[in-house]
Protein backbone atom coordinates (compact mmCIF):
# COMPACT_ATOMS: atom_id res chain seq x y z
CA MET A 1 -2.92 12.86 -6.76
CA ASN A 2 -0.57 11.12 -9.09
CA THR A 3 -1.94 10.66 -12.57
CA ALA A 4 0.40 8.15 -14.13
CA THR A 5 -0.44 8.25 -17.81
CA ASP A 6 2.00 5.56 -18.85
CA LEU A 7 0.18 2.65 -17.26
CA PRO A 8 0.12 -0.23 -16.76
CA ALA A 9 3.20 -0.28 -14.55
CA ASP A 10 5.16 -3.45 -13.87
CA GLY A 11 7.30 -4.44 -10.93
CA GLY A 12 8.63 -7.37 -9.02
CA CYS A 13 11.08 -8.82 -6.56
CA SER A 14 14.88 -8.85 -6.74
CA CYS A 15 15.28 -12.28 -8.33
CA GLY A 16 12.53 -11.71 -10.92
CA ALA A 17 10.42 -14.74 -10.00
CA LEU A 18 7.51 -12.69 -8.65
CA ARG A 19 6.33 -10.12 -11.18
CA TYR A 20 3.20 -7.99 -11.04
CA ARG A 21 1.38 -5.28 -12.95
CA LEU A 22 -0.63 -2.30 -11.76
CA ALA A 23 -3.46 -2.26 -14.29
CA SER A 24 -4.37 1.34 -13.43
CA ALA A 25 -3.16 4.26 -11.39
CA PRO A 26 -3.27 3.67 -7.64
CA LEU A 27 -5.99 5.26 -5.53
CA ILE A 28 -3.33 7.13 -3.56
CA VAL A 29 0.35 6.81 -2.69
CA HIS A 30 1.18 7.00 1.01
CA CYS A 31 4.56 7.86 2.44
CA CYS A 32 4.12 6.52 5.96
CA HIS A 33 6.50 7.72 8.67
CA CYS A 34 5.04 5.67 11.55
CA ARG A 35 7.41 3.69 13.75
CA TRP A 36 5.88 0.38 12.61
CA CYS A 37 6.66 1.14 8.96
CA GLN A 38 10.14 2.28 9.92
CA ARG A 39 10.75 -0.99 11.74
CA GLU A 40 9.24 -3.25 9.08
CA SER A 41 10.94 -1.53 6.15
CA GLY A 42 14.24 -0.94 7.93
CA ALA A 43 14.11 2.60 6.58
CA SER A 44 12.81 6.03 7.59
CA PHE A 45 9.43 5.47 5.95
CA ALA A 46 7.41 3.13 3.74
CA LEU A 47 6.12 4.18 0.32
CA ASN A 48 2.95 2.28 -0.62
CA ALA A 49 0.63 2.62 -3.61
CA MET A 50 -2.90 1.67 -2.58
CA ILE A 51 -4.83 -0.13 -5.31
CA GLU A 52 -7.76 -2.50 -5.59
CA THR A 53 -6.41 -6.06 -5.53
CA GLN A 54 -8.39 -6.85 -8.68
CA ARG A 55 -6.22 -4.23 -10.46
CA LEU A 56 -3.00 -5.85 -9.21
CA LEU A 57 -2.13 -8.63 -11.62
CA ASN A 58 0.34 -11.32 -10.59
CA LEU A 59 2.52 -12.19 -13.59
CA GLY A 60 4.99 -14.54 -11.90
CA VAL A 61 5.16 -17.11 -9.14
CA ALA A 62 2.56 -17.04 -6.39
CA PRO A 63 3.65 -15.01 -3.38
CA GLU A 64 4.41 -16.49 -0.01
CA TRP A 65 2.12 -14.91 2.60
CA VAL A 66 3.60 -13.79 5.89
CA ASP A 67 1.36 -12.57 8.72
CA THR A 68 2.96 -9.83 10.80
CA PRO A 69 1.81 -7.65 13.70
CA SER A 70 0.72 -4.06 13.19
CA ALA A 71 0.06 -0.98 15.32
CA SER A 72 -3.70 -1.66 15.13
CA GLY A 73 -3.21 -5.06 16.73
CA LEU A 74 -4.98 -6.66 13.77
CA GLY A 75 -1.85 -7.41 11.75
CA GLN A 76 -1.12 -7.38 8.06
CA ARG A 77 -0.42 -10.02 5.42
CA ILE A 78 2.72 -9.42 3.41
CA ALA A 79 3.18 -10.93 -0.05
CA ARG A 80 6.81 -11.98 -0.44
CA CYS A 81 8.68 -13.71 -3.21
CA PRO A 82 9.09 -17.35 -2.13
CA ARG A 83 12.64 -17.38 -3.54
CA CYS A 84 14.33 -14.08 -2.61
CA ARG A 85 11.82 -13.13 0.15
CA VAL A 86 11.41 -9.51 -0.99
CA ALA A 87 8.14 -7.96 0.19
CA VAL A 88 6.13 -6.67 -2.79
CA TRP A 89 2.69 -5.81 -1.38
CA SER A 90 0.56 -6.07 1.75
CA HIS A 91 -3.04 -6.42 2.80
CA TYR A 92 -3.88 -4.50 5.97
CA ALA A 93 -6.68 -5.44 8.35
CA GLY A 94 -8.84 -2.41 7.52
CA SER A 95 -9.61 -3.55 3.98
CA GLY A 96 -8.29 -7.11 4.01
CA PRO A 97 -7.65 -8.81 0.69
CA VAL A 98 -9.75 -6.25 -1.21
CA MET A 99 -7.02 -3.58 -1.24
CA ALA A 100 -3.31 -4.01 -1.85
CA PHE A 101 -0.56 -1.72 -0.65
CA VAL A 102 2.17 -2.13 -3.25
CA ARG A 103 5.72 -1.31 -2.22
CA VAL A 104 6.56 1.46 -4.69
CA GLY A 105 10.26 0.61 -4.55
CA THR A 106 9.50 -2.75 -6.21
CA LEU A 107 8.20 -1.08 -9.37
CA ASP A 108 10.50 -1.19 -12.38
CA ALA A 109 10.19 2.61 -12.52
CA PRO A 110 9.42 3.69 -8.94
CA ASP A 111 10.02 7.35 -9.72
CA ARG A 112 6.69 7.34 -11.58
CA LEU A 113 4.76 7.19 -8.28
CA PRO A 114 5.97 9.83 -5.82
CA PRO A 115 3.93 10.21 -2.62
CA ASP A 116 0.59 11.97 -2.69
CA VAL A 117 0.54 12.33 1.09
CA HIS A 118 2.93 11.94 4.01
CA ILE A 119 1.23 10.32 7.00
CA PHE A 120 2.18 9.85 10.65
CA THR A 121 4.72 12.64 10.35
CA ALA A 122 4.60 13.14 14.13
CA SER A 123 7.01 10.18 14.31
CA LYS A 124 9.08 10.90 11.19
CA GLN A 125 12.83 11.00 11.57
CA PRO A 126 13.85 14.60 12.34
CA TRP A 127 16.41 14.64 9.53
CA VAL A 128 13.79 13.73 6.90
CA VAL A 129 12.83 17.02 5.27
CA LEU A 130 9.53 17.06 3.41
CA PRO A 131 9.38 19.02 0.16
CA PRO A 132 7.75 22.46 0.27
CA GLY A 133 4.02 22.13 -0.39
CA ALA A 134 3.91 18.41 0.45
CA ARG A 135 0.59 17.25 1.87
CA ALA A 136 1.49 16.03 5.33
CA PHE A 137 -0.51 14.80 8.32
CA GLU A 138 0.72 14.23 11.87
CA ASP A 139 -1.42 11.09 12.05
CA TYR A 140 -3.85 9.84 9.42
CA TYR A 141 -6.36 11.93 7.46
CA ASP A 142 -9.98 12.15 6.40
CA ARG A 143 -10.18 10.17 3.15
CA ASP A 144 -13.19 12.13 1.86
CA ALA A 145 -11.29 15.40 2.27
CA VAL A 146 -8.02 14.19 0.73
CA TRP A 147 -8.71 11.67 -2.02
CA PRO A 148 -9.70 12.87 -5.50
CA ALA A 149 -13.24 12.15 -6.68
CA ASP A 150 -12.21 9.34 -9.05
CA SER A 151 -10.38 7.47 -6.26
CA LEU A 152 -13.36 7.87 -3.94
CA ALA A 153 -15.66 6.52 -6.68
CA ARG A 154 -13.40 3.51 -7.24
CA ARG A 155 -13.32 2.79 -3.52
CA ALA A 156 -17.11 3.04 -3.35
CA VAL A 157 -17.30 0.19 -5.89
CA VAL A 158 -15.31 -2.16 -3.63
CA ALA A 159 -16.69 -0.86 -0.31
CA PRO A 160 -19.29 -3.67 -0.07
CA GLN A 161 -16.49 -6.24 -0.43
CA ILE A 162 -14.48 -4.52 2.30
CA GLU A 163 -17.53 -4.41 4.58
CA ALA A 164 -18.25 -8.11 3.95
CA TRP A 165 -14.65 -9.01 4.76
CA GLN A 166 -14.75 -6.95 7.97
CA ALA A 167 -18.05 -8.53 9.02
CA GLY A 168 -16.66 -12.03 8.46
CA ARG A 169 -13.61 -11.19 10.50
CA ARG A 170 -15.77 -10.25 13.50
CA GLU A 171 -17.70 -13.53 13.52
CA PRO A 172 -16.65 -16.09 16.15
CA GLY A 173 -14.20 -18.58 14.75
CA ALA A 174 -13.45 -16.41 11.70
């Protein structure tokens, strides 16, 4: 797990209108090689830092929200700069607005957050070579077996909010 000691970490879009701050280290950094992430990023993978939304501070203009489809069929909401349209973070259906998946490439110093895990490597591009010793999973993984104790404890704090959001989503008309 990455232990960025020089936090907070700031980032933003290309034009500088939408700025944000990670108030703490992310729970985990995913390098996702699924075909959906390849298509949506236009690259071989997506690099996302998962963090509680309450620890993601918006320092600039309000994002424009774009709803897009996802492999789960439940979609995701992408926060984009309303001026330059760069995607800066997402909220996936599993945790809704409680968790944010920050696009690591939008950090001012993205090299500070290399991936903790590579996921959905069964569909990674064959010419992408993972570093020796990289934690890699053909699909997803068991969070309890992979995440460090402090990340699991932080997630436990927001778990009731995630469960409430999921329950509201299942109600008719929600």
